[in-house]
Amino acid sequence: MKVPFFRLHADKTDISAVTSVLKDGWLTTGARASELEELVKKRCGAKQAIAVSSASIGLQIALAALNIGPGDEVITTAFTFTATCAAILHSGATPVLADIDPQTLNIAPQSIADKITPKTKALIAVDIAGAPCDYRQITALCRKHNLKLICDAAHSFGATYHGKPVGSFGDVTVVSFYSTKNITTAEGGMILTQKKHLADRIRRLALHGITRSALQRNRAADWRYDISEIGFKANLSDLNAALGVARLKRFDSLLESRSNVATQYASRLAGFGDFLELPLVPADCEHAWHLFIIKLNLERWKIGRDRLIKELTRLGIGSGVHYIPLHYFSGYQDTLNVQTGELYQTEQTFKRVVSLPLYPELKASEAKAVCGAIGELVKRFGK
């Protein structure tokens, strides 16, 4: 059986939602984008939501709206996608990398504390795989040191922390609606905040700094507008938003399917505890299960992680690695000042991680096949 790492199924409601926008003739930001914002606000417990063309640009806009720039330091993790750190660099600020908790894979509060200097102005906390960060400790640190908190929730839409939904923490939360995410608009994202004045600025920044959108001008039959500051081109089209609206309306079912796959993996792989470590669900959290990341106990294997991935591929099982530490990339090596061993947990954990297929359409028989393949490799290559 071949099991791809990712597979997206668009049903009739998805197709109908997108074609209805084409028939209406208003393709750019309009009623569907507004509807998506309202649905996301309710889901995430946020008072304000601004739809954007990607989470990557959303992080850049969040930093700009919080007045983070040259001379400032922003702490984040190296165990993340490049967009997190790139946003800091695009702002002109200096990224400072903290280490991770090897169990949750999220940024470690103690490491954050160790990295704070008088130049530190903000923290970008990344929820890896769908597990929320330790926001109680992180929020306390930010309050103590007067830091702005941006929550990179690209993976964790639908998760909760101590009963509160992701999206209700920090100064700003940025969510991803990329093709592989828990909710997709093909490309897109959402910026969430509780502060109206901040949301108003974010909305302007997301559309070049323009004070009145094309839809607003069209409805008022008035072409006039101002550009109050230089912004970005980051608005989400109705064509994209319509897909997100359709899928968000059945999100509970999609999330339940993800959780069921994770439960099957946990049950079937529990007997291989000597050879691998299953994902940890932090206490008092509901996991969003964007990814299912196992960690190999390498001392119990005759082969390394990369060879194991090749063997999984040979058996028809797709897999991935999340993430290559940012300071390993050639484009970052002259930019990030990371000393050998400084991010010990990040570097050691990277050697062990393998992401298994996880998406709502994954069948029980396919999850069984994934676990069966891992069992076969344990027999062949386990010590």
Protein backbone atom coordinates (compact mmCIF):
# COMPACT_ATOMS: atom_id res chain seq x y z
CA MET A 1 0.00 0.00 0.00
CA LYS A 2 1.28 3.47 -0.89
CA VAL A 3 0.53 6.18 1.66
CA PRO A 4 1.56 9.72 0.59
CA PHE A 5 2.78 12.13 3.22
CA PHE A 6 -0.05 14.53 2.32
CA ARG A 7 -3.27 14.30 0.32
CA LEU A 8 -6.03 16.91 0.00
CA HIS A 9 -9.57 16.01 -0.96
CA ALA A 10 -11.83 18.83 -2.16
CA ASP A 11 -15.49 17.88 -1.84
CA LYS A 12 -18.55 19.27 -3.61
CA THR A 13 -19.02 22.10 -1.10
CA ASP A 14 -15.42 23.26 -1.61
CA ILE A 15 -15.79 23.28 -5.39
CA SER A 16 -19.19 24.99 -5.24
CA ALA A 17 -17.87 27.68 -2.88
CA VAL A 18 -15.02 28.58 -5.21
CA THR A 19 -17.08 28.50 -8.42
CA SER A 20 -19.73 30.72 -6.81
CA VAL A 21 -17.09 33.45 -6.44
CA LEU A 22 -16.20 33.15 -10.11
CA LYS A 23 -19.87 33.46 -11.01
CA ASP A 24 -20.34 36.51 -8.77
CA GLY A 25 -17.46 38.28 -10.47
CA TRP A 26 -15.85 39.87 -7.39
CA LEU A 27 -12.62 37.92 -6.97
CA THR A 28 -10.47 40.07 -4.69
CA THR A 29 -11.04 40.86 -1.01
CA GLY A 30 -14.76 41.13 -0.27
CA ALA A 31 -17.69 39.41 1.41
CA ARG A 32 -16.09 35.94 1.59
CA ALA A 33 -12.93 37.27 3.22
CA SER A 34 -15.10 39.08 5.78
CA GLU A 35 -17.09 35.91 6.44
CA LEU A 36 -13.89 33.95 6.98
CA GLU A 37 -12.67 36.58 9.45
CA GLU A 38 -15.90 36.34 11.44
CA LEU A 39 -15.78 32.53 11.59
CA VAL A 40 -12.14 32.51 12.68
CA LYS A 41 -12.76 35.14 15.38
CA LYS A 42 -15.48 32.95 16.91
CA ARG A 43 -13.33 29.84 16.74
CA CYS A 44 -10.25 31.48 18.24
CA GLY A 45 -11.76 33.78 20.86
CA ALA A 46 -10.26 36.87 19.22
CA LYS A 47 -11.99 40.23 18.96
CA GLN A 48 -10.26 41.20 15.72
CA ALA A 49 -9.22 39.20 12.64
CA ILE A 50 -7.59 40.28 9.39
CA ALA A 51 -7.32 37.84 6.49
CA VAL A 52 -3.98 37.92 4.68
CA SER A 53 -2.36 36.19 1.71
CA SER A 54 -0.01 34.07 3.85
CA ALA A 55 1.10 33.56 7.43
CA SER A 56 4.60 34.52 6.31
CA ILE A 57 3.56 38.05 5.35
CA GLY A 58 1.30 38.07 8.41
CA LEU A 59 4.34 37.77 10.68
CA GLN A 60 6.03 40.66 8.87
CA ILE A 61 2.94 42.83 9.25
CA ALA A 62 2.61 41.91 12.93
CA LEU A 63 6.17 43.08 13.61
CA ALA A 64 5.60 46.30 11.65
CA ALA A 65 2.35 47.02 13.49
CA LEU A 66 4.13 46.54 16.83
CA ASN A 67 6.88 48.97 15.74
CA ILE A 68 9.64 46.36 15.81
CA GLY A 69 12.59 47.37 13.65
CA PRO A 70 16.30 48.12 13.39
CA GLY A 71 18.15 48.00 16.71
CA ASP A 72 15.59 45.65 18.27
CA GLU A 73 16.10 41.99 19.11
CA VAL A 74 13.36 39.39 18.67
CA ILE A 75 13.68 35.99 20.31
CA THR A 76 12.36 32.92 18.51
CA THR A 77 13.23 29.28 17.88
CA ALA A 78 15.53 27.69 15.30
CA PHE A 79 13.16 24.71 15.19
CA THR A 80 10.67 26.28 12.79
CA PHE A 81 10.06 27.09 9.14
CA THR A 82 12.15 29.86 7.64
CA ALA A 83 9.19 32.29 7.51
CA THR A 84 9.39 32.91 11.28
CA CYS A 85 12.97 34.12 11.25
CA ALA A 86 12.77 35.73 7.80
CA ALA A 87 10.00 38.03 9.06
CA ILE A 88 12.31 39.32 11.78
CA LEU A 89 15.09 39.97 9.28
CA HIS A 90 12.71 41.72 6.88
CA SER A 91 11.68 44.03 9.72
CA GLY A 92 15.30 45.08 10.20
CA ALA A 93 15.41 43.60 13.70
CA THR A 94 17.91 40.99 14.90
CA PRO A 95 16.72 37.40 15.46
CA VAL A 96 17.96 35.70 18.62
CA LEU A 97 17.47 31.93 18.77
CA ALA A 98 16.42 30.12 21.94
CA ASP A 99 16.53 26.36 22.52
CA ILE A 100 13.56 24.00 22.62
CA ASP A 101 11.95 21.62 25.09
CA PRO A 102 12.92 18.21 23.61
CA GLN A 103 9.62 16.68 24.67
CA THR A 104 7.18 19.20 23.20
CA LEU A 105 9.55 20.60 20.50
CA ASN A 106 8.32 24.08 21.45
CA ILE A 107 10.53 26.96 22.55
CA ALA A 108 11.76 26.50 26.14
CA PRO A 109 10.81 29.30 28.59
CA GLN A 110 14.11 29.02 30.49
CA SER A 111 16.08 29.40 27.28
CA ILE A 112 13.98 32.47 26.42
CA ALA A 113 14.84 33.98 29.80
CA ASP A 114 18.54 33.35 29.19
CA LYS A 115 18.42 35.23 25.87
CA ILE A 116 16.71 38.44 27.04
CA THR A 117 18.84 41.60 26.83
CA PRO A 118 18.04 45.33 27.07
CA LYS A 119 17.58 45.25 23.26
CA THR A 120 14.94 42.51 23.35
CA LYS A 121 11.58 43.92 22.26
CA ALA A 122 9.52 40.91 21.22
CA LEU A 123 9.16 37.14 21.23
CA ILE A 124 7.75 34.94 18.47
CA ALA A 125 6.58 31.69 20.07
CA VAL A 126 5.95 28.85 17.59
CA ASP A 127 3.40 26.08 18.28
CA ILE A 128 5.06 23.04 16.73
CA ALA A 129 2.93 20.26 15.18
CA GLY A 130 -0.28 21.60 16.76
CA ALA A 131 0.78 21.65 20.43
CA PRO A 132 0.51 25.09 22.11
CA CYS A 133 3.58 26.57 23.76
CA ASP A 134 3.73 27.02 27.54
CA TYR A 135 1.90 30.33 27.37
CA ARG A 136 1.60 30.77 31.13
CA GLN A 137 5.36 30.94 31.58
CA ILE A 138 5.91 32.76 28.30
CA THR A 139 3.28 35.41 29.06
CA ALA A 140 4.77 35.93 32.51
CA LEU A 141 8.22 36.46 30.97
CA CYS A 142 6.86 38.94 28.45
CA ARG A 143 5.07 40.92 31.15
CA LYS A 144 8.14 40.96 33.40
CA HIS A 145 10.40 42.25 30.63
CA ASN A 146 7.82 44.35 28.75
CA LEU A 147 8.08 42.26 25.57
CA LYS A 148 5.55 42.02 22.77
CA LEU A 149 4.32 38.46 22.23
CA ILE A 150 3.57 37.18 18.74
CA CYS A 151 2.14 33.66 18.60
CA ASP A 152 3.09 31.78 15.44
CA ALA A 153 0.11 29.44 15.31
CA ALA A 154 0.71 28.19 11.77
CA HIS A 155 0.31 24.61 13.09
CA SER A 156 -2.14 25.02 15.94
CA PHE A 157 -5.44 26.31 14.59
CA GLY A 158 -8.07 24.42 16.59
CA ALA A 159 -5.87 23.73 19.63
CA THR A 160 -6.57 24.92 23.16
CA TYR A 161 -4.33 25.77 26.11
CA HIS A 162 -5.83 25.52 29.62
CA GLY A 163 -9.30 25.70 28.10
CA LYS A 164 -8.63 28.79 25.97
CA PRO A 165 -8.36 28.56 22.18
CA VAL A 166 -5.12 29.33 20.39
CA GLY A 167 -5.62 32.80 18.96
CA SER A 168 -6.56 34.37 22.27
CA PHE A 169 -3.00 34.72 23.64
CA GLY A 170 -0.36 37.38 23.21
CA ASP A 171 -0.48 40.71 21.42
CA VAL A 172 -0.90 39.11 18.00
CA THR A 173 -1.48 35.57 16.71
CA VAL A 174 -0.74 34.55 13.13
CA VAL A 175 -2.46 31.51 11.63
CA SER A 176 -1.59 29.71 8.39
CA PHE A 177 -4.12 28.52 5.82
CA TYR A 178 -1.53 27.00 3.49
CA SER A 179 -2.52 23.95 1.44
CA THR A 180 -1.36 21.39 4.02
CA LYS A 181 -2.72 23.14 7.12
CA ASN A 182 -5.73 22.17 9.24
CA ILE A 183 -7.81 24.74 7.37
CA THR A 184 -6.73 25.73 3.88
CA THR A 185 -7.46 28.60 1.53
CA ALA A 186 -4.79 27.17 -0.85
CA GLU A 187 -2.57 30.08 0.16
CA GLY A 188 -3.48 32.42 2.99
CA GLY A 189 -3.52 33.19 6.67
CA MET A 190 -5.11 35.26 9.43
CA ILE A 191 -3.82 37.83 11.91
CA LEU A 192 -5.67 37.87 15.24
CA THR A 193 -5.60 40.37 18.07
CA GLN A 194 -7.80 41.63 20.90
CA LYS A 195 -6.94 45.30 20.25
CA LYS A 196 -9.01 47.28 17.77
CA HIS A 197 -6.46 50.04 17.25
CA LEU A 198 -3.84 47.43 16.42
CA ALA A 199 -6.22 45.59 14.09
CA ASP A 200 -7.04 48.82 12.26
CA ARG A 201 -3.37 49.43 11.61
CA ILE A 202 -2.77 45.81 10.57
CA ARG A 203 -5.65 46.01 8.09
CA ARG A 204 -4.18 49.15 6.52
CA LEU A 205 -0.67 47.69 6.42
CA ALA A 206 -2.00 44.56 4.71
CA LEU A 207 -3.27 46.67 1.79
CA HIS A 208 -0.43 49.08 0.99
CA GLY A 209 -1.41 51.43 3.84
CA ILE A 210 -4.60 52.37 1.96
CA THR A 211 -7.37 53.71 4.18
CA ARG A 212 -10.33 52.46 2.08
CA SER A 213 -10.39 49.12 0.25
CA ALA A 214 -11.54 48.64 -3.34
CA LEU A 215 -14.79 47.10 -2.08
CA GLN A 216 -15.46 50.06 0.21
CA ARG A 217 -14.82 52.51 -2.62
CA ASN A 218 -16.96 50.49 -4.99
CA ARG A 219 -19.92 50.37 -2.60
CA ALA A 220 -19.69 54.09 -1.86
CA ALA A 221 -19.20 54.98 -5.53
CA ASP A 222 -16.32 57.18 -4.34
CA TRP A 223 -12.81 56.70 -5.72
CA ARG A 224 -11.01 58.73 -3.05
CA TYR A 225 -8.61 57.18 -0.53
CA ASP A 226 -5.50 58.02 1.43
CA ILE A 227 -2.25 56.13 2.04
CA SER A 228 -1.52 56.77 5.69
CA GLU A 229 1.76 54.79 5.76
CA ILE A 230 3.71 52.53 3.44
CA GLY A 231 2.35 49.01 3.74
CA PHE A 232 2.37 45.58 2.13
CA LYS A 233 0.38 43.77 -0.56
CA ALA A 234 -1.08 41.03 1.60
CA ASN A 235 -4.87 40.99 1.32
CA LEU A 236 -6.65 37.63 0.86
CA SER A 237 -8.85 37.21 -2.21
CA ASP A 238 -12.45 36.06 -1.99
CA LEU A 239 -11.51 33.19 -4.28
CA ASN A 240 -9.16 31.87 -1.58
CA ALA A 241 -11.42 32.81 1.31
CA ALA A 242 -14.39 30.91 -0.11
CA LEU A 243 -12.49 27.63 0.15
CA GLY A 244 -11.58 28.43 3.75
CA VAL A 245 -15.18 29.26 4.65
CA ALA A 246 -16.44 25.98 3.19
CA ARG A 247 -13.88 23.91 5.07
CA LEU A 248 -14.22 25.87 8.30
CA LYS A 249 -17.93 25.09 8.40
CA ARG A 250 -17.02 21.40 8.78
CA PHE A 251 -13.87 21.99 10.80
CA ASP A 252 -14.98 20.00 13.84
CA SER A 253 -15.24 16.91 11.66
CA LEU A 254 -11.86 17.56 10.03
CA LEU A 255 -10.21 18.04 13.42
CA GLU A 256 -11.82 14.88 14.79
CA SER A 257 -10.48 12.91 11.83
CA ARG A 258 -6.96 14.19 12.51
CA SER A 259 -7.28 13.27 16.17
CA ASN A 260 -8.50 9.78 15.26
CA VAL A 261 -5.45 9.19 13.07
CA ALA A 262 -3.18 10.37 15.90
CA THR A 263 -4.96 8.00 18.31
CA GLN A 264 -4.47 5.08 15.92
CA TYR A 265 -0.78 5.86 15.59
CA ALA A 266 -0.33 6.18 19.34
CA SER A 267 -2.08 2.86 19.96
CA ARG A 268 -0.31 0.88 17.24
CA LEU A 269 3.14 2.30 17.94
CA ALA A 270 2.94 2.03 21.73
CA GLY A 271 4.68 -1.34 21.64
CA PHE A 272 7.80 0.17 20.06
CA GLY A 273 8.64 2.40 23.02
CA ASP A 274 12.23 1.14 23.13
CA PHE A 275 12.79 2.34 19.59
CA LEU A 276 10.85 5.59 19.32
CA GLU A 277 9.19 8.31 21.34
CA LEU A 278 5.61 9.34 20.61
CA PRO A 279 4.46 12.97 20.58
CA LEU A 280 3.76 14.49 23.97
CA VAL A 281 0.43 16.25 24.44
CA PRO A 282 1.14 19.01 27.00
CA ALA A 283 -0.99 18.97 30.14
CA ASP A 284 -4.32 20.80 29.94
CA CYS A 285 -4.03 21.18 26.16
CA GLU A 286 -6.02 19.97 23.19
CA HIS A 287 -3.65 19.16 20.34
CA ALA A 288 -4.54 20.30 16.81
CA TRP A 289 -2.59 17.41 15.22
CA HIS A 290 -1.23 19.24 12.24
CA LEU A 291 1.76 16.89 12.35
CA PHE A 292 2.51 13.57 14.05
CA ILE A 293 6.23 13.69 14.86
CA ILE A 294 7.97 10.65 16.30
CA LYS A 295 11.48 10.81 17.76
CA LEU A 296 13.78 7.86 17.17
CA ASN A 297 15.80 6.42 20.04
CA LEU A 298 18.86 6.25 17.82
CA GLU A 299 20.90 4.13 20.20
CA ARG A 300 18.43 1.29 19.55
CA TRP A 301 18.75 1.45 15.75
CA LYS A 302 21.42 0.08 13.44
CA ILE A 303 20.59 2.85 10.96
CA GLY A 304 20.18 6.61 11.23
CA ARG A 305 17.10 8.73 10.67
CA ASP A 306 17.82 9.50 7.01
CA ARG A 307 18.28 5.84 6.10
CA LEU A 308 15.05 5.00 7.92
CA ILE A 309 13.17 7.57 5.84
CA LYS A 310 14.57 5.98 2.67
CA GLU A 311 13.40 2.58 3.86
CA LEU A 312 9.92 3.96 4.58
CA THR A 313 9.85 5.39 1.06
CA ARG A 314 10.84 1.99 -0.34
CA LEU A 315 7.88 0.50 1.53
CA GLY A 316 5.54 3.11 0.00
CA ILE A 317 5.22 5.33 3.07
CA GLY A 318 5.69 9.09 2.72
CA SER A 319 7.30 10.99 5.59
CA GLY A 320 8.99 14.29 6.38
CA VAL A 321 11.36 16.07 8.73
CA HIS A 322 10.15 19.05 10.77
CA TYR A 323 12.41 20.96 11.13
CA ILE A 324 15.95 21.51 9.91
CA PRO A 325 17.37 24.03 12.42
CA LEU A 326 17.55 27.43 10.75
CA HIS A 327 21.22 27.98 11.54
CA TYR A 328 22.08 24.91 9.43
CA PHE A 329 20.99 26.67 6.22
CA SER A 330 23.63 28.39 4.09
CA GLY A 331 21.50 31.51 3.72
CA TYR A 332 21.40 32.00 7.50
CA GLN A 333 24.94 31.06 8.50
CA ASP A 334 26.32 34.58 8.11
CA THR A 335 23.25 36.11 9.76
CA LEU A 336 22.55 34.01 12.85
CA ASN A 337 25.18 34.11 15.56
CA VAL A 338 24.86 30.59 16.96
CA GLN A 339 27.78 28.99 18.74
CA THR A 340 28.46 25.24 18.65
CA GLY A 341 26.35 23.51 21.29
CA GLU A 342 24.39 26.67 22.13
CA LEU A 343 21.15 25.10 20.86
CA TYR A 344 21.95 21.62 22.09
CA GLN A 345 18.39 20.30 22.39
CA THR A 346 17.43 21.71 18.99
CA GLU A 347 20.39 20.08 17.27
CA GLN A 348 20.08 16.71 19.03
CA THR A 349 16.32 16.52 18.52
CA PHE A 350 16.62 17.33 14.81
CA LYS A 351 18.63 14.12 14.30
CA ARG A 352 15.75 12.06 15.72
CA VAL A 353 12.53 13.47 14.24
CA VAL A 354 10.34 11.89 11.56
CA SER A 355 6.90 13.20 10.61
CA LEU A 356 4.34 10.55 9.64
CA PRO A 357 1.40 11.07 7.23
CA LEU A 358 -1.48 12.86 8.93
CA TYR A 359 -4.54 14.35 7.23
CA PRO A 360 -8.32 13.94 7.58
CA GLU A 361 -8.60 11.70 4.52
CA LEU A 362 -6.07 9.16 5.83
CA LYS A 363 -7.88 5.82 6.10
CA ALA A 364 -7.60 3.45 9.05
CA SER A 365 -6.06 0.86 6.72
CA GLU A 366 -3.43 3.40 5.66
CA ALA A 367 -2.57 4.29 9.27
CA LYS A 368 -2.23 0.56 9.94
CA ALA A 369 0.09 0.25 6.93
CA VAL A 370 2.29 3.10 8.21
CA CYS A 371 2.64 1.43 11.60
CA GLY A 372 3.21 -1.94 9.96
CA ALA A 373 6.07 -0.49 7.93
CA ILE A 374 7.66 0.93 11.07
CA GLY A 375 7.27 -2.46 12.76
CA GLU A 376 9.00 -4.12 9.82
CA LEU A 377 11.90 -1.71 10.09
CA VAL A 378 12.18 -2.33 13.83
CA LYS A 379 12.57 -6.05 13.11
CA ARG A 380 15.17 -5.45 10.41
CA PHE A 381 17.18 -2.60 11.89
CA GLY A 382 16.43 -2.52 15.60
CA LYS A 383 19.06 -3.55 18.12
